[in-house]
C-alpha cells in the first residue's frame, strides 16, 4: 500500500495530530497536494491509498470502521456506500450547510441518510457516450440527436473493426451499466429501499428485460470487444484510436485522458476526431438516465480528532479543490460555483461542460439502500458474464436477490 506522508509528519513536529485520509486511486497526485494545502498548524493530513475496485475499497473501510478504528479520520466513499456506513453508525454527522443550493442536485441526495448529512460531495461523476466523429459519419448515425443502444450496436456492427466499449467485468461498474439501462426504460432494480431487507425487488420487469436484451445483443454482435467479460474503464480506452474506432460509455476523465501527449501518443488530429454525446437511450421514446457516481468525503465516527476531521473535510471539498481536480485529473465538480470558474471554461469546451452538468442533474443514481453492497453482489452473480445474459436473467436475478435479502441464499 502506498503511503504518502506529508511535510509536518516528517519534520519532527511531535505531538501534532495526524489525520489519515483514505483515497481511492483516482487523481492521487492532485489529492495529495490538496491534503498538503489543507494541513494546518493544528493538524497534518496524511493520505493512504485504498484498493482499485469500489467493492474492495468498501471492504477495507468497513473492516476498519467495524473494529472502531480511531485512525480512520477521512475517507473517499463511492456515494452508494454512504447509506450503509451511516446506518451502521460508522460516519460522523456533518453540518447541515455541507449541502447547499450550490451543490448539484444529482449528487446532493447521495450525502443524506435518515434526513441527516453524513458526507460532503467532492466530485460528481457521470458517463457520456464518447465516439470517433469519423466513425459516426461513416455509419450515417446522426449524433446531433439522441441515440439508442440498439442504434450504436447496429452502427458499429456495420464497420469491420468498429466496436462498442462498456464495463462488463464482474464488478461494480457492470451494475452501474445495468442500472442505467433499466432506469432508461423507466424501471428500477429495487424500490421501497427504506424498508431495508424488505425492499421491493423490481428487476423482473419490461425494463429489466430490455436491459438484458441490449447486453445479449451486444455480446453476440461483431461490435463486442474481445475482452467484454473482463472489460473495465481502462481496457476500452485504446480502441478509440485503433482502426475505425468505437462508441464507448465511460466517465468524465476520458477527455483529459486523450489530451495529446508524448505519453499517450494521441495526436491533435486524433483528438479533434473525439466526439461526445449524452448517454445512449434504452428505449427511443424516453430520455436516458446517465449513471451518477463520484466521491463523497466521510468522517470516521471513531476519529480521535472529529472537530479537526470535519474542518479538514470542508477544506478538501472546497471550490478550489474541486476546480483543481477537474482541471488536473478530469474529475468534475459537485458544485455549480466550481463549474462556473474561469479555469474550467479554459480547460473544457463549453458544450462538454454543459453536458457533464446536465448528465449529473438528470442522471440515475443506483439504489439508495443500507444493503446496497448485497444488492450489487447478487446482481453481479447472476448477470455475469454478459455472454450468459438472456431474457430469463431478470427473473433469475429477482428470485436470487429476494432469497439473499431474506437470508435464504448465500452470495
Protein backbone atom coordinates (compact mmCIF):
# COMPACT_ATOMS: atom_id res chain seq x y z
CA UNK A 1 0.00 0.00 0.00
CA UNK A 2 1.31 3.38 -0.95
CA UNK A 3 1.54 5.85 1.90
CA UNK A 4 2.15 9.49 1.29
CA UNK A 5 3.44 11.17 4.38
CA UNK A 6 3.22 14.89 4.24
CA UNK A 7 5.58 17.55 5.41
CA UNK A 8 4.75 18.02 9.04
CA UNK A 9 4.84 14.32 9.88
CA UNK A 10 8.45 14.22 8.68
CA UNK A 11 9.54 17.42 10.35
CA UNK A 12 9.83 16.22 13.88
CA UNK A 13 6.70 18.12 14.90
CA UNK A 14 5.83 15.53 17.57
CA UNK A 15 2.52 15.79 19.30
CA UNK A 16 0.78 17.45 16.39
CA UNK A 17 -2.33 15.41 15.50
CA UNK A 18 -2.23 13.47 12.25
CA UNK A 19 -5.43 12.88 10.27
CA UNK A 20 -5.43 9.87 7.98
CA UNK A 21 -7.34 10.31 4.71
CA UNK A 22 -8.10 7.13 2.74
CA UNK A 23 -8.12 7.75 -1.00
CA UNK A 24 -9.40 5.76 -3.94
CA UNK A 25 -6.76 5.64 -6.69
CA UNK A 26 -8.10 8.46 -8.90
CA UNK A 27 -6.35 11.82 -9.04
CA UNK A 28 -3.97 10.78 -6.28
CA UNK A 29 -1.29 13.34 -7.12
CA UNK A 30 -3.83 16.17 -7.01
CA UNK A 31 -5.46 14.83 -3.84
CA UNK A 32 -2.08 14.65 -2.13
CA UNK A 33 -1.47 18.31 -2.99
CA UNK A 34 -4.91 19.18 -1.60
CA UNK A 35 -4.08 17.29 1.60
CA UNK A 36 -0.93 19.34 1.97
CA UNK A 37 -2.77 22.63 1.39
CA UNK A 38 -5.46 21.70 3.91
CA UNK A 39 -2.99 20.70 6.63
CA UNK A 40 -2.80 23.43 9.27
CA UNK A 41 -0.77 24.47 12.31
CA UNK A 42 -3.16 22.29 14.33
CA UNK A 43 -3.00 19.05 12.34
CA UNK A 44 -1.39 17.30 9.41
CA UNK A 45 -3.31 15.28 6.82
CA UNK A 46 -1.67 12.06 5.63
CA UNK A 47 -3.02 10.00 2.75
CA UNK A 48 -3.37 6.24 2.42
CA UNK A 49 -4.35 4.50 -0.81
CA UNK A 50 -7.34 2.16 -1.00
CA UNK A 51 -7.62 -0.75 -3.50
CA UNK A 52 -8.60 -0.04 -7.11
CA UNK A 53 -12.11 -1.51 -7.11
CA UNK A 54 -15.03 0.14 -5.31
CA UNK A 55 -16.06 -3.17 -3.73
CA UNK A 56 -12.59 -3.77 -2.32
CA UNK A 57 -12.46 -0.18 -1.08
CA UNK A 58 -15.71 -0.73 0.79
CA UNK A 59 -14.47 -3.96 2.37
CA UNK A 60 -11.26 -2.40 3.65
CA UNK A 61 -13.01 0.64 5.12
CA UNK A 62 -15.84 -1.45 6.60
CA UNK A 63 -13.37 -3.72 8.37
CA UNK A 64 -11.57 -0.75 9.91
CA UNK A 65 -14.74 1.01 10.99
CA UNK A 66 -16.42 -2.14 12.33
CA UNK A 67 -13.36 -2.51 14.56
CA UNK A 68 -13.88 1.11 15.70
CA UNK A 69 -10.56 2.17 14.22
CA UNK A 70 -9.77 5.65 15.56
CA UNK A 71 -7.23 6.39 12.83
CA UNK A 72 -9.77 6.40 10.00
CA UNK A 73 -10.39 10.14 10.04
CA UNK A 74 -11.35 10.93 6.43
CA UNK A 75 -12.36 8.58 3.64
CA UNK A 76 -13.30 8.73 -0.03
CA UNK A 77 -16.62 6.94 -0.46
CA UNK A 78 -18.44 5.80 -3.56
CA UNK A 79 -21.81 7.50 -2.93
CA UNK A 80 -23.67 4.17 -2.87
CA UNK A 81 -21.85 3.18 0.31
CA UNK A 82 -22.85 6.26 2.33
CA UNK A 83 -26.23 4.77 3.41
CA UNK A 84 -24.64 1.53 4.63
CA UNK A 85 -21.87 3.29 6.56
CA UNK A 86 -24.21 5.89 8.05
CA UNK A 87 -26.78 3.25 9.02
CA UNK A 88 -24.05 1.28 10.79
CA UNK A 89 -23.02 4.33 12.81
CA UNK A 90 -19.59 4.47 11.17
CA UNK A 91 -19.80 8.07 9.92
CA UNK A 92 -19.89 11.31 11.88
CA UNK A 93 -22.85 13.55 11.14
CA UNK A 94 -21.94 16.65 9.17
CA UNK A 95 -23.29 20.21 9.46
CA UNK A 96 -26.49 20.99 7.56
CA UNK A 97 -24.70 23.59 5.41
CA UNK A 98 -22.48 20.86 3.93
CA UNK A 99 -25.17 20.67 1.23
CA UNK A 100 -26.36 24.00 -0.19
CA UNK A 101 -28.22 25.24 -3.26
CA UNK A 102 -24.80 25.39 -4.90
CA UNK A 103 -24.50 21.57 -4.75
CA UNK A 104 -25.54 19.80 -7.96
CA UNK A 105 -28.94 18.22 -7.37
CA UNK A 106 -27.87 14.86 -8.76
CA UNK A 107 -25.14 14.38 -6.16
CA UNK A 108 -26.69 16.20 -3.17
CA UNK A 109 -29.01 13.37 -2.16
CA UNK A 110 -26.14 10.87 -2.07
CA UNK A 111 -24.82 12.56 1.08
CA UNK A 112 -28.05 12.20 3.06
CA UNK A 113 -29.29 9.30 5.12
CA UNK A 114 -32.26 9.29 7.50
CA UNK A 115 -32.76 13.06 6.99
CA UNK A 116 -29.21 13.87 8.11
CA UNK A 117 -25.99 14.61 6.22
CA UNK A 118 -23.15 12.13 6.56
CA UNK A 119 -20.81 13.06 3.71
CA UNK A 120 -19.51 16.01 1.72
CA UNK A 121 -19.60 15.68 -2.09
CA UNK A 122 -16.14 16.13 -3.55
CA UNK A 123 -16.62 15.32 -7.19
CA UNK A 124 -19.71 14.35 -9.19
CA UNK A 125 -19.04 11.84 -11.89
CA UNK A 126 -21.21 10.80 -14.79
CA UNK A 127 -20.90 8.86 -18.02
CA UNK A 128 -21.21 10.09 -21.59
CA UNK A 129 -21.17 8.38 -24.96
CA UNK A 130 -17.69 9.01 -26.37
CA UNK A 131 -17.08 8.24 -30.05
CA UNK A 132 -14.98 8.89 -33.12
CA UNK A 133 -16.66 11.55 -35.28
CA UNK A 134 -15.30 9.84 -38.38
CA UNK A 135 -16.88 6.53 -37.33
CA UNK A 136 -20.27 8.12 -36.71
CA UNK A 137 -20.06 9.84 -40.11
CA UNK A 138 -19.15 6.55 -41.84
CA UNK A 139 -22.15 4.80 -40.29
CA UNK A 140 -24.51 7.67 -41.07
CA UNK A 141 -25.53 7.98 -37.43
CA UNK A 142 -26.81 11.50 -36.64
CA UNK A 143 -25.12 12.30 -33.33
CA UNK A 144 -26.87 15.67 -33.05
CA UNK A 145 -29.96 13.73 -31.96
CA UNK A 146 -30.38 11.26 -29.06
CA UNK A 147 -29.21 7.77 -29.99
CA UNK A 148 -30.21 4.38 -28.57
CA UNK A 149 -28.12 1.39 -27.57
CA UNK A 150 -29.63 -0.55 -30.48
CA UNK A 151 -28.52 2.17 -32.92
CA UNK A 152 -24.90 2.29 -31.80
CA UNK A 153 -24.58 -1.51 -31.71
CA UNK A 154 -26.06 -1.73 -35.22
CA UNK A 155 -23.86 1.11 -36.47
CA UNK A 156 -20.62 -0.34 -35.08
CA UNK A 157 -21.53 -3.77 -36.43
CA UNK A 158 -21.66 -2.36 -39.97
CA UNK A 159 -18.00 -1.28 -39.92
CA UNK A 160 -15.36 -4.04 -39.74
CA UNK A 161 -13.23 -3.49 -36.65
CA UNK A 162 -15.53 -0.94 -35.03
CA UNK A 163 -16.72 -1.74 -31.50
CA UNK A 164 -18.85 -0.62 -28.57
CA UNK A 165 -16.92 -0.15 -25.31
CA UNK A 166 -18.63 -0.87 -21.97
CA UNK A 167 -17.73 -2.12 -18.49
CA UNK A 168 -18.61 -5.83 -18.48
CA UNK A 169 -16.30 -7.22 -15.81
CA UNK A 170 -17.78 -8.76 -12.66
CA UNK A 171 -17.55 -5.60 -10.58
CA UNK A 172 -19.44 -2.51 -9.51
CA UNK A 173 -19.24 -0.70 -12.85
CA UNK A 174 -21.15 -3.57 -14.52
CA UNK A 175 -24.03 -2.88 -12.13
CA UNK A 176 -23.72 0.82 -13.00
CA UNK A 177 -24.35 -0.11 -16.65
CA UNK A 178 -27.27 -2.44 -15.86
CA UNK A 179 -28.87 0.12 -13.54
CA UNK A 180 -28.58 2.93 -16.11
CA UNK A 181 -30.25 0.86 -18.83
CA UNK A 182 -33.08 -0.27 -16.54
CA UNK A 183 -33.74 3.30 -15.38
CA UNK A 184 -33.57 4.43 -19.00
CA UNK A 185 -36.60 2.23 -19.68
CA UNK A 186 -38.48 3.57 -16.67
CA UNK A 187 -37.69 0.72 -14.27
CA UNK A 188 -35.77 0.14 -11.05
CA UNK A 189 -33.64 -2.68 -9.67
CA UNK A 190 -35.37 -2.29 -6.30
CA UNK A 191 -37.81 0.21 -4.79
CA UNK A 192 -39.00 0.99 -1.28
CA UNK A 193 -35.37 0.82 -0.16
CA UNK A 194 -36.16 2.43 3.21
CA UNK A 195 -37.60 -0.98 4.13
CA UNK A 196 -34.07 -2.45 4.17
CA UNK A 197 -34.11 -6.19 3.50
CA UNK A 198 -37.86 -5.90 2.82
CA UNK A 199 -37.28 -3.61 -0.18
CA UNK A 200 -39.35 -4.42 -3.25
CA UNK A 201 -37.35 -6.22 -5.95
CA UNK A 202 -38.37 -4.75 -9.31
CA UNK A 203 -35.79 -6.06 -11.76
CA UNK A 204 -38.08 -8.75 -13.24
CA UNK A 205 -39.84 -6.18 -15.43
CA UNK A 206 -40.11 -4.97 -19.02
CA UNK A 207 -37.29 -2.52 -18.23
CA UNK A 208 -35.12 -5.31 -16.85
CA UNK A 209 -35.79 -7.47 -19.91
CA UNK A 210 -34.94 -4.57 -22.24
CA UNK A 211 -31.61 -4.08 -20.43
CA UNK A 212 -30.91 -7.82 -20.74
CA UNK A 213 -31.79 -7.73 -24.45
CA UNK A 214 -29.25 -4.95 -25.06
CA UNK A 215 -26.48 -6.85 -23.27
CA UNK A 216 -27.37 -10.04 -25.15
CA UNK A 217 -27.41 -8.17 -28.46
CA UNK A 218 -24.02 -6.53 -27.88
CA UNK A 219 -22.40 -9.73 -26.61
CA UNK A 220 -23.45 -11.66 -29.73
CA UNK A 221 -22.61 -8.90 -32.22
CA UNK A 222 -19.42 -8.05 -34.14
CA UNK A 223 -19.34 -4.82 -32.12
CA UNK A 224 -18.47 -6.64 -28.87
CA UNK A 225 -14.91 -6.12 -27.75
CA UNK A 226 -12.93 -9.34 -27.36
CA UNK A 227 -12.46 -8.80 -23.62
CA UNK A 228 -16.10 -7.94 -22.93
CA UNK A 229 -16.48 -10.17 -19.87
CA UNK A 230 -13.44 -8.61 -18.15
CA UNK A 231 -13.65 -5.11 -19.61
CA UNK A 232 -13.38 -2.05 -17.40
CA UNK A 233 -13.00 1.71 -17.68
CA UNK A 234 -9.39 1.39 -18.77
CA UNK A 235 -9.46 -1.58 -21.13
CA UNK A 236 -11.86 0.03 -23.59
CA UNK A 237 -9.83 3.24 -23.98
CA UNK A 238 -7.25 2.05 -26.57
CA UNK A 239 -9.96 1.04 -29.07
CA UNK A 240 -10.97 4.67 -29.63
CA UNK A 241 -7.99 5.42 -31.88
CA UNK A 242 -7.25 1.91 -33.14
CA UNK A 243 -8.70 1.03 -36.54
CA UNK A 244 -12.06 2.69 -37.24
CA UNK A 245 -12.63 3.40 -33.55
CA UNK A 246 -15.51 2.81 -31.16
CA UNK A 247 -18.58 4.10 -29.42
CA UNK A 248 -17.78 3.95 -25.69
CA UNK A 249 -19.65 4.75 -22.48
CA UNK A 250 -17.25 5.99 -19.85
CA UNK A 251 -16.69 8.60 -17.15
CA UNK A 252 -15.66 12.24 -17.42
CA UNK A 253 -11.92 11.56 -17.14
CA UNK A 254 -11.89 10.43 -20.78
CA UNK A 255 -11.50 13.94 -22.19
CA UNK A 256 -8.31 14.63 -20.22
CA UNK A 257 -7.07 11.08 -20.78
CA UNK A 258 -7.00 11.55 -24.54
CA UNK A 259 -5.39 15.03 -24.47
CA UNK A 260 -2.39 14.73 -26.82
CA UNK A 261 0.87 13.99 -25.05
CA UNK A 262 4.11 12.10 -25.55
CA UNK A 263 2.92 9.52 -23.03
CA UNK A 264 -0.33 8.51 -24.76
CA UNK A 265 0.79 9.14 -28.35
CA UNK A 266 -2.52 10.80 -29.25
CA UNK A 267 -2.16 13.41 -31.99
CA UNK A 268 -4.00 16.73 -32.28
CA UNK A 269 -5.76 15.40 -35.40
CA UNK A 270 -7.00 12.34 -33.50
CA UNK A 271 -8.13 14.49 -30.57
CA UNK A 272 -10.22 16.64 -32.90
CA UNK A 273 -11.94 13.43 -34.05
CA UNK A 274 -13.17 12.71 -30.50
CA UNK A 275 -16.89 13.31 -30.09
CA UNK A 276 -19.26 13.19 -27.13
CA UNK A 277 -23.00 12.87 -26.67
CA UNK A 278 -25.48 12.13 -23.93
CA UNK A 279 -25.59 8.56 -22.62
CA UNK A 280 -27.49 6.23 -25.03
CA UNK A 281 -31.21 5.74 -24.62
CA UNK A 282 -32.53 2.32 -23.63
CA UNK A 283 -35.78 2.95 -25.48
CA UNK A 284 -36.25 5.51 -28.23
CA UNK A 285 -39.06 7.50 -26.63
CA UNK A 286 -37.54 8.05 -23.16
CA UNK A 287 -34.58 10.24 -22.14
CA UNK A 288 -31.56 8.30 -20.98
CA UNK A 289 -30.58 8.19 -17.32
CA UNK A 290 -26.79 8.67 -17.28
CA UNK A 291 -25.00 7.00 -14.37
CA UNK A 292 -24.20 9.20 -11.39
CA UNK A 293 -21.05 8.47 -9.44
CA UNK A 294 -18.26 10.43 -7.88
CA UNK A 295 -16.73 10.63 -4.45
CA UNK A 296 -18.20 11.82 -1.16
CA UNK A 297 -15.94 12.54 1.80
CA UNK A 298 -16.89 10.83 5.05
CA UNK A 299 -15.53 11.46 8.55
CA UNK A 300 -14.98 8.38 10.70
CA UNK A 301 -17.25 8.17 13.76
CA UNK A 302 -14.37 6.90 15.89
CA UNK A 303 -11.81 9.55 14.90
CA UNK A 304 -9.74 10.82 17.81
CA UNK A 305 -9.98 14.30 16.32
CA UNK A 306 -13.54 14.68 14.99
CA UNK A 307 -13.57 18.51 15.01
CA UNK A 308 -10.31 18.68 13.08
CA UNK A 309 -11.56 15.98 10.68
CA UNK A 310 -14.78 17.88 9.97
CA UNK A 311 -12.77 21.05 9.36
CA UNK A 312 -10.44 19.16 7.03
CA UNK A 313 -13.41 17.64 5.15
CA UNK A 314 -14.72 21.13 4.45
CA UNK A 315 -11.31 22.22 3.14
CA UNK A 316 -10.66 19.25 0.86
CA UNK A 317 -14.10 19.69 -0.74
CA UNK A 318 -13.96 23.48 -1.18
CA UNK A 319 -14.28 25.16 -4.56
CA UNK A 320 -10.53 25.46 -5.01
CA UNK A 321 -10.09 21.70 -4.54
CA UNK A 322 -12.95 20.85 -6.90
CA UNK A 323 -11.61 23.11 -9.64
CA UNK A 324 -8.11 21.70 -9.21
CA UNK A 325 -9.39 18.10 -9.52
CA UNK A 326 -11.35 18.93 -12.66
CA UNK A 327 -8.55 20.76 -14.42
CA UNK A 328 -5.74 18.36 -13.48
CA UNK A 329 -7.47 14.97 -13.27
CA UNK A 330 -10.75 15.27 -15.17
CA UNK A 331 -12.80 14.62 -12.01
CA UNK A 332 -15.69 17.03 -12.36
CA UNK A 333 -17.10 19.28 -9.60
CA UNK A 334 -20.04 18.71 -7.30
CA UNK A 335 -20.99 22.39 -7.19
CA UNK A 336 -22.26 24.95 -9.68
CA UNK A 337 -19.76 27.59 -8.49
CA UNK A 338 -16.84 25.31 -9.38
CA UNK A 339 -18.38 24.61 -12.79
CA UNK A 340 -18.67 28.37 -13.36
CA UNK A 341 -14.98 29.02 -12.64
CA UNK A 342 -12.84 30.56 -15.39
CA UNK A 343 -10.32 27.74 -15.02
CA UNK A 344 -12.88 25.16 -16.17
CA UNK A 345 -14.04 27.37 -19.03
CA UNK A 346 -10.47 27.45 -20.24
CA UNK A 347 -9.85 23.72 -19.75
CA UNK A 348 -13.02 22.29 -21.35
CA UNK A 349 -15.27 23.02 -24.35
CA UNK A 350 -18.41 24.87 -23.30
CA UNK A 351 -20.78 22.22 -24.66
CA UNK A 352 -18.91 19.44 -22.85
CA UNK A 353 -19.17 21.24 -19.50
CA UNK A 354 -22.89 21.76 -20.10
CA UNK A 355 -23.34 18.07 -20.93
CA UNK A 356 -21.45 16.95 -17.81
CA UNK A 357 -23.64 19.13 -15.58
CA UNK A 358 -26.87 18.10 -17.34
CA UNK A 359 -25.96 14.41 -17.06
CA UNK A 360 -25.38 14.64 -13.30
CA UNK A 361 -28.60 16.54 -12.66
CA UNK A 362 -30.75 14.35 -14.96
CA UNK A 363 -28.93 11.11 -14.27
CA UNK A 364 -29.99 7.99 -12.44
CA UNK A 365 -28.44 7.04 -9.09
CA UNK A 366 -28.06 3.44 -8.05
CA UNK A 367 -30.43 2.18 -5.32
CA UNK A 368 -30.03 4.15 -2.08
CA UNK A 369 -30.02 1.32 0.43
CA UNK A 370 -28.13 0.30 3.55
CA UNK A 371 -27.94 -3.12 1.86
CA UNK A 372 -26.61 -1.86 -1.46
CA UNK A 373 -23.46 -3.99 -1.32
CA UNK A 374 -25.64 -7.11 -1.04
CA UNK A 375 -27.90 -5.97 -3.89
CA UNK A 376 -24.92 -5.26 -6.15
CA UNK A 377 -23.18 -8.56 -5.41
CA UNK A 378 -26.38 -10.54 -6.03
CA UNK A 379 -26.83 -8.89 -9.43
CA UNK A 380 -23.23 -9.49 -10.42
CA UNK A 381 -23.62 -13.18 -9.54
CA UNK A 382 -26.49 -13.71 -11.98
CA UNK A 383 -25.84 -11.14 -14.75
CA UNK A 384 -22.18 -12.02 -15.25
CA UNK A 385 -20.87 -12.84 -17.74
CA UNK A 386 -22.51 -10.62 -20.37
CA UNK A 387 -22.36 -13.55 -22.81
CA UNK A 388 -24.66 -15.54 -20.50
CA UNK A 389 -27.39 -12.89 -20.27
CA UNK A 390 -30.77 -13.80 -21.80
CA UNK A 391 -34.44 -12.85 -21.43
CA UNK A 392 -34.65 -15.10 -18.35
CA UNK A 393 -31.86 -13.26 -16.50
CA UNK A 394 -34.09 -10.58 -14.89
CA UNK A 395 -36.40 -13.24 -13.40
CA UNK A 396 -33.49 -15.36 -12.19
CA UNK A 397 -31.78 -12.37 -10.59
CA UNK A 398 -35.01 -11.20 -8.94
CA UNK A 399 -35.52 -14.59 -7.30
CA UNK A 400 -31.89 -14.79 -6.19
CA UNK A 401 -31.86 -11.24 -4.81
CA UNK A 402 -35.07 -11.84 -2.84
CA UNK A 403 -33.63 -15.02 -1.36
CA UNK A 404 -30.36 -13.33 -0.45
CA UNK A 405 -32.11 -10.41 1.24
CA UNK A 406 -34.36 -12.83 3.16
CA UNK A 407 -31.37 -14.90 4.27
CA UNK A 408 -32.47 -17.94 2.24
CA UNK A 409 -29.42 -17.90 -0.09
CA UNK A 410 -25.78 -17.04 0.22
CA UNK A 411 -23.74 -14.88 -2.12
